[in-house]
Amino acid sequence: NISQLHTQFNNAGQNLQKVQGLPNDL
């Protein structure tokens, strides 16, 4: 369960990184 949560968390973070125009601080 911990392994699955780790994978899902990082995927969600990487998807957010792909968004254009994010503030530099963010």
PDB file of all heavy atoms in Angstrom:
ATOM      1  N   ASN A   1       0.828  -1.208   0.000  1.00  0.00           N
ATOM      2  CA  ASN A   1       0.000   0.000   0.000  1.00  0.00           C
ATOM      3  C   ASN A   1       0.864   1.261   0.000  1.00  0.00           C
ATOM      4  O   ASN A   1       0.561   2.246  -0.678  1.00  0.00           O
ATOM      5  CB  ASN A   1      -0.929   0.008   1.217  1.00  0.00           C
ATOM      6  CG  ASN A   1      -2.015  -1.047   1.107  1.00  0.00           C
ATOM      7  OD1 ASN A   1      -2.336  -1.492   0.013  1.00  0.00           O
ATOM      8  ND2 ASN A   1      -2.557  -1.461   2.240  1.00  0.00           N
ATOM      9  N   ILE A   2       1.946   1.221   0.781  1.00  0.00           N
ATOM     10  CA  ILE A   2       2.862   2.363   0.847  1.00  0.00           C
ATOM     11  C   ILE A   2       3.501   2.597  -0.528  1.00  0.00           C
ATOM     12  O   ILE A   2       3.629   3.735  -0.998  1.00  0.00           O
ATOM     13  CB  ILE A   2       3.933   2.137   1.920  1.00  0.00           C
ATOM     14  CG1 ILE A   2       3.296   2.197   3.315  1.00  0.00           C
ATOM     15  CG2 ILE A   2       5.052   3.167   1.815  1.00  0.00           C
ATOM     16  CD1 ILE A   2       4.246   1.834   4.437  1.00  0.00           C
ATOM     17  N   SER A   3       3.876   1.492  -1.190  1.00  0.00           N
ATOM     18  CA  SER A   3       4.507   1.604  -2.507  1.00  0.00           C
ATOM     19  C   SER A   3       3.544   2.216  -3.526  1.00  0.00           C
ATOM     20  O   SER A   3       3.927   3.083  -4.321  1.00  0.00           O
ATOM     21  CB  SER A   3       4.954   0.211  -2.966  1.00  0.00           C
ATOM     22  OG  SER A   3       5.495   0.270  -4.262  1.00  0.00           O
ATOM     23  N   GLN A   4       2.281   1.788  -3.514  1.00  0.00           N
ATOM     24  CA  GLN A   4       1.291   2.327  -4.446  1.00  0.00           C
ATOM     25  C   GLN A   4       1.059   3.818  -4.188  1.00  0.00           C
ATOM     26  O   GLN A   4       0.966   4.611  -5.131  1.00  0.00           O
ATOM     27  CB  GLN A   4      -0.019   1.561  -4.304  1.00  0.00           C
ATOM     28  CG  GLN A   4       0.043   0.139  -4.818  1.00  0.00           C
ATOM     29  CD  GLN A   4      -1.255  -0.620  -4.602  1.00  0.00           C
ATOM     30  OE1 GLN A   4      -2.118  -0.163  -3.868  1.00  0.00           O
ATOM     31  NE2 GLN A   4      -1.371  -1.785  -5.223  1.00  0.00           N
ATOM     32  N   LEU A   5       0.958   4.190  -2.917  1.00  0.00           N
ATOM     33  CA  LEU A   5       0.744   5.591  -2.578  1.00  0.00           C
ATOM     34  C   LEU A   5       1.933   6.441  -3.027  1.00  0.00           C
ATOM     35  O   LEU A   5       1.759   7.557  -3.539  1.00  0.00           O
ATOM     36  CB  LEU A   5       0.534   5.735  -1.067  1.00  0.00           C
ATOM     37  CG  LEU A   5       0.304   7.163  -0.551  1.00  0.00           C
ATOM     38  CD1 LEU A   5      -0.918   7.780  -1.207  1.00  0.00           C
ATOM     39  CD2 LEU A   5       0.142   7.162   0.966  1.00  0.00           C
ATOM     40  N   HIS A   6       3.148   5.910  -2.871  1.00  0.00           N
ATOM     41  CA  HIS A   6       4.357   6.637  -3.282  1.00  0.00           C
ATOM     42  C   HIS A   6       4.333   6.911  -4.784  1.00  0.00           C
ATOM     43  O   HIS A   6       4.619   8.028  -5.240  1.00  0.00           O
ATOM     44  CB  HIS A   6       5.585   5.801  -2.905  1.00  0.00           C
ATOM     45  CG  HIS A   6       6.883   6.412  -3.337  1.00  0.00           C
ATOM     46  ND1 HIS A   6       7.461   7.491  -2.696  1.00  0.00           N
ATOM     47  CD2 HIS A   6       7.717   6.102  -4.371  1.00  0.00           C
ATOM     48  CE1 HIS A   6       8.596   7.814  -3.311  1.00  0.00           C
ATOM     49  NE2 HIS A   6       8.765   6.990  -4.325  1.00  0.00           N
ATOM     50  N   THR A   7       3.960   5.884  -5.562  1.00  0.00           N
ATOM     51  CA  THR A   7       3.915   6.026  -7.022  1.00  0.00           C
ATOM     52  C   THR A   7       2.853   7.052  -7.439  1.00  0.00           C
ATOM     53  O   THR A   7       3.103   7.929  -8.271  1.00  0.00           O
ATOM     54  CB  THR A   7       3.601   4.666  -7.669  1.00  0.00           C
ATOM     55  OG1 THR A   7       4.611   3.724  -7.292  1.00  0.00           O
ATOM     56  CG2 THR A   7       3.567   4.791  -9.187  1.00  0.00           C
ATOM     57  N   GLN A   8       1.655   6.962  -6.846  1.00  0.00           N
ATOM     58  CA  GLN A   8       0.574   7.885  -7.179  1.00  0.00           C
ATOM     59  C   GLN A   8       0.915   9.322  -6.805  1.00  0.00           C
ATOM     60  O   GLN A   8       0.606  10.260  -7.540  1.00  0.00           O
ATOM     61  CB  GLN A   8      -0.712   7.454  -6.470  1.00  0.00           C
ATOM     62  CG  GLN A   8      -1.282   6.143  -6.996  1.00  0.00           C
ATOM     63  CD  GLN A   8      -2.432   5.628  -6.151  1.00  0.00           C
ATOM     64  OE1 GLN A   8      -2.742   6.203  -5.124  1.00  0.00           O
ATOM     65  NE2 GLN A   8      -3.046   4.527  -6.573  1.00  0.00           N
ATOM     66  N   PHE A   9       1.574   9.500  -5.676  1.00  0.00           N
ATOM     67  CA  PHE A   9       1.957  10.841  -5.236  1.00  0.00           C
ATOM     68  C   PHE A   9       2.935  11.473  -6.234  1.00  0.00           C
ATOM     69  O   PHE A   9       2.768  12.631  -6.650  1.00  0.00           O
ATOM     70  CB  PHE A   9       2.595  10.756  -3.847  1.00  0.00           C
ATOM     71  CG  PHE A   9       3.047  12.093  -3.303  1.00  0.00           C
ATOM     72  CD1 PHE A   9       2.171  12.900  -2.599  1.00  0.00           C
ATOM     73  CD2 PHE A   9       4.345  12.546  -3.513  1.00  0.00           C
ATOM     74  CE1 PHE A   9       2.569  14.129  -2.110  1.00  0.00           C
ATOM     75  CE2 PHE A   9       4.759  13.777  -3.029  1.00  0.00           C
ATOM     76  CZ  PHE A   9       3.868  14.565  -2.324  1.00  0.00           C
ATOM     77  N   ASN A  10       3.959  10.731  -6.607  1.00  0.00           N
ATOM     78  CA  ASN A  10       4.959  11.276  -7.532  1.00  0.00           C
ATOM     79  C   ASN A  10       4.373  11.526  -8.918  1.00  0.00           C
ATOM     80  O   ASN A  10       4.726  12.507  -9.574  1.00  0.00           O
ATOM     81  CB  ASN A  10       6.155  10.324  -7.623  1.00  0.00           C
ATOM     82  CG  ASN A  10       7.092  10.454  -6.437  1.00  0.00           C
ATOM     83  OD1 ASN A  10       7.870  11.395  -6.337  1.00  0.00           O
ATOM     84  ND2 ASN A  10       7.003   9.520  -5.504  1.00  0.00           N
ATOM     85  N   ASN A  11       3.458  10.656  -9.368  1.00  0.00           N
ATOM     86  CA  ASN A  11       2.804  10.877 -10.665  1.00  0.00           C
ATOM     87  C   ASN A  11       1.994  12.166 -10.647  1.00  0.00           C
ATOM     88  O   ASN A  11       2.004  12.946 -11.603  1.00  0.00           O
ATOM     89  CB  ASN A  11       1.901   9.699 -11.015  1.00  0.00           C
ATOM     90  CG  ASN A  11       2.688   8.451 -11.388  1.00  0.00           C
ATOM     91  OD1 ASN A  11       3.872   8.533 -11.717  1.00  0.00           O
ATOM     92  ND2 ASN A  11       2.042   7.296 -11.323  1.00  0.00           N
ATOM     93  N   ALA A  12       1.280  12.393  -9.540  1.00  0.00           N
ATOM     94  CA  ALA A  12       0.483  13.614  -9.418  1.00  0.00           C
ATOM     95  C   ALA A  12       1.373  14.853  -9.419  1.00  0.00           C
ATOM     96  O   ALA A  12       1.057  15.878 -10.046  1.00  0.00           O
ATOM     97  CB  ALA A  12      -0.358  13.568  -8.131  1.00  0.00           C
ATOM     98  N   GLY A  13       2.510  14.775  -8.725  1.00  0.00           N
ATOM     99  CA  GLY A  13       3.440  15.899  -8.697  1.00  0.00           C
ATOM    100  C   GLY A  13       4.051  16.169 -10.058  1.00  0.00           C
ATOM    101  O   GLY A  13       4.195  17.328 -10.477  1.00  0.00           O
ATOM    102  N   GLN A  14       4.408  15.109 -10.773  1.00  0.00           N
ATOM    103  CA  GLN A  14       5.008  15.267 -12.100  1.00  0.00           C
ATOM    104  C   GLN A  14       3.993  15.835 -13.091  1.00  0.00           C
ATOM    105  O   GLN A  14       4.345  16.625 -13.984  1.00  0.00           O
ATOM    106  CB  GLN A  14       5.535  13.917 -12.577  1.00  0.00           C
ATOM    107  CG  GLN A  14       6.758  13.446 -11.789  1.00  0.00           C
ATOM    108  CD  GLN A  14       7.082  11.987 -12.027  1.00  0.00           C
ATOM    109  OE1 GLN A  14       6.465  11.326 -12.870  1.00  0.00           O
ATOM    110  NE2 GLN A  14       8.064  11.476 -11.290  1.00  0.00           N
ATOM    111  N   ASN A  15       2.722  15.444 -12.960  1.00  0.00           N
ATOM    112  CA  ASN A  15       1.681  16.009 -13.826  1.00  0.00           C
ATOM    113  C   ASN A  15       1.531  17.512 -13.597  1.00  0.00           C
ATOM    114  O   ASN A  15       1.316  18.288 -14.530  1.00  0.00           O
ATOM    115  CB  ASN A  15       0.340  15.313 -13.559  1.00  0.00           C
ATOM    116  CG  ASN A  15       0.296  13.907 -14.123  1.00  0.00           C
ATOM    117  OD1 ASN A  15       1.025  13.597 -15.062  1.00  0.00           O
ATOM    118  ND2 ASN A  15      -0.542  13.061 -13.546  1.00  0.00           N
ATOM    119  N   LEU A  16       1.634  17.935 -12.344  1.00  0.00           N
ATOM    120  CA  LEU A  16       1.540  19.354 -12.024  1.00  0.00           C
ATOM    121  C   LEU A  16       2.722  20.123 -12.617  1.00  0.00           C
ATOM    122  O   LEU A  16       2.581  21.272 -13.063  1.00  0.00           O
ATOM    123  CB  LEU A  16       1.476  19.552 -10.504  1.00  0.00           C
ATOM    124  CG  LEU A  16       1.308  20.996 -10.019  1.00  0.00           C
ATOM    125  CD1 LEU A  16       0.052  21.622 -10.624  1.00  0.00           C
ATOM    126  CD2 LEU A  16       1.239  21.047  -8.495  1.00  0.00           C
ATOM    127  N   GLN A  17       3.903  19.501 -12.654  1.00  0.00           N
ATOM    128  CA  GLN A  17       5.086  20.160 -13.222  1.00  0.00           C
ATOM    129  C   GLN A  17       4.914  20.448 -14.719  1.00  0.00           C
ATOM    130  O   GLN A  17       5.530  21.370 -15.254  1.00  0.00           O
ATOM    131  CB  GLN A  17       6.320  19.278 -13.024  1.00  0.00           C
ATOM    132  CG  GLN A  17       6.881  19.302 -11.602  1.00  0.00           C
ATOM    133  CD  GLN A  17       8.138  18.471 -11.471  1.00  0.00           C
ATOM    134  OE1 GLN A  17       8.220  17.373 -11.998  1.00  0.00           O
ATOM    135  NE2 GLN A  17       9.127  19.002 -10.770  1.00  0.00           N
ATOM    136  N   LYS A  18       4.056  19.664 -15.387  1.00  0.00           N
ATOM    137  CA  LYS A  18       3.871  19.828 -16.834  1.00  0.00           C
ATOM    138  C   LYS A  18       2.986  21.032 -17.165  1.00  0.00           C
ATOM    139  O   LYS A  18       2.903  21.439 -18.317  1.00  0.00           O
ATOM    140  CB  LYS A  18       3.238  18.562 -17.420  1.00  0.00           C
ATOM    141  CG  LYS A  18       4.116  17.324 -17.282  1.00  0.00           C
ATOM    142  CD  LYS A  18       3.388  16.086 -17.780  1.00  0.00           C
ATOM    143  CE  LYS A  18       4.225  14.824 -17.586  1.00  0.00           C
ATOM    144  NZ  LYS A  18       3.490  13.615 -18.029  1.00  0.00           N
ATOM    145  N   VAL A  19       2.301  21.576 -16.158  1.00  0.00           N
ATOM    146  CA  VAL A  19       1.414  22.710 -16.414  1.00  0.00           C
ATOM    147  C   VAL A  19       2.237  23.947 -16.780  1.00  0.00           C
ATOM    148  O   VAL A  19       3.207  24.292 -16.082  1.00  0.00           O
ATOM    149  CB  VAL A  19       0.545  22.991 -15.167  1.00  0.00           C
ATOM    150  CG1 VAL A  19      -0.310  24.231 -15.385  1.00  0.00           C
ATOM    151  CG2 VAL A  19      -0.345  21.786 -14.861  1.00  0.00           C
ATOM    152  N   GLN A  20       1.865  24.604 -17.871  1.00  0.00           N
ATOM    153  CA  GLN A  20       2.578  25.796 -18.318  1.00  0.00           C
ATOM    154  C   GLN A  20       2.178  27.014 -17.488  1.00  0.00           C
ATOM    155  O   GLN A  20       1.024  27.163 -17.093  1.00  0.00           O
ATOM    156  CB  GLN A  20       2.260  26.070 -19.802  1.00  0.00           C
ATOM    157  CG  GLN A  20       2.675  24.940 -20.738  1.00  0.00           C
ATOM    158  CD  GLN A  20       4.176  24.748 -20.777  1.00  0.00           C
ATOM    159  OE1 GLN A  20       4.941  25.724 -20.721  1.00  0.00           O
ATOM    160  NE2 GLN A  20       4.618  23.493 -20.864  1.00  0.00           N
ATOM    161  N   GLY A  21       3.159  27.885 -17.237  1.00  0.00           N
ATOM    162  CA  GLY A  21       2.868  29.157 -16.581  1.00  0.00           C
ATOM    163  C   GLY A  21       2.772  29.087 -15.067  1.00  0.00           C
ATOM    164  O   GLY A  21       2.197  29.992 -14.454  1.00  0.00           O
ATOM    165  N   LEU A  22       3.321  28.034 -14.471  1.00  0.00           N
ATOM    166  CA  LEU A  22       3.310  27.974 -13.007  1.00  0.00           C
ATOM    167  C   LEU A  22       4.227  29.060 -12.447  1.00  0.00           C
ATOM    168  O   LEU A  22       5.300  29.327 -13.019  1.00  0.00           O
ATOM    169  CB  LEU A  22       3.792  26.607 -12.506  1.00  0.00           C
ATOM    170  CG  LEU A  22       2.840  25.419 -12.633  1.00  0.00           C
ATOM    171  CD1 LEU A  22       3.501  24.171 -12.057  1.00  0.00           C
ATOM    172  CD2 LEU A  22       1.533  25.689 -11.915  1.00  0.00           C
ATOM    173  N   PRO A  23       3.869  29.699 -11.340  1.00  0.00           N
ATOM    174  CA  PRO A  23       4.769  30.681 -10.708  1.00  0.00           C
ATOM    175  C   PRO A  23       6.114  30.017 -10.361  1.00  0.00           C
ATOM    176  O   PRO A  23       6.159  28.840  -9.992  1.00  0.00           O
ATOM    177  CB  PRO A  23       4.023  31.091  -9.438  1.00  0.00           C
ATOM    178  CG  PRO A  23       2.584  30.790  -9.735  1.00  0.00           C
ATOM    179  CD  PRO A  23       2.583  29.597 -10.632  1.00  0.00           C
ATOM    180  N   ASN A  24       7.201  30.797 -10.483  1.00  0.00           N
ATOM    181  CA  ASN A  24       8.533  30.234 -10.226  1.00  0.00           C
ATOM    182  C   ASN A  24       8.678  29.703  -8.804  1.00  0.00           C
ATOM    183  O   ASN A  24       9.263  28.644  -8.577  1.00  0.00           O
ATOM    184  CB  ASN A  24       9.613  31.294 -10.503  1.00  0.00           C
ATOM    185  CG  ASN A  24       9.700  31.642 -11.981  1.00  0.00           C
ATOM    186  OD1 ASN A  24       9.382  30.806 -12.835  1.00  0.00           O
ATOM    187  ND2 ASN A  24      10.098  32.871 -12.296  1.00  0.00           N
ATOM    188  N   ASP A  25       8.132  30.452  -7.845  1.00  0.00           N
ATOM    189  CA  ASP A  25       8.219  29.996  -6.452  1.00  0.00           C
ATOM    190  C   ASP A  25       7.514  28.651  -6.272  1.00  0.00           C
ATOM    191  O   ASP A  25       8.029  27.765  -5.590  1.00  0.00           O
ATOM    192  CB  ASP A  25       7.584  31.033  -5.513  1.00  0.00           C
ATOM    193  CG  ASP A  25       8.413  32.309  -5.430  1.00  0.00           C
ATOM    194  OD1 ASP A  25       9.600  32.247  -5.841  1.00  0.00           O
ATOM    195  OD2 ASP A  25       7.887  33.335  -4.962  1.00  0.00           O
ATOM    196  N   LEU A  26       6.353  28.533  -6.899  1.00  0.00           N
ATOM    197  CA  LEU A  26       5.604  27.282  -6.794  1.00  0.00           C
ATOM    198  C   LEU A  26       6.369  26.132  -7.436  1.00  0.00           C
ATOM    199  O   LEU A  26       6.439  25.026  -6.888  1.00  0.00           O
ATOM    200  CB  LEU A  26       4.232  27.433  -7.448  1.00  0.00           C
ATOM    201  CG  LEU A  26       3.373  26.169  -7.529  1.00  0.00           C
ATOM    202  CD1 LEU A  26       3.092  25.624  -6.138  1.00  0.00           C
ATOM    203  CD2 LEU A  26       2.059  26.429  -8.264  1.00  0.00           C
TER     204      LEU A  26
END
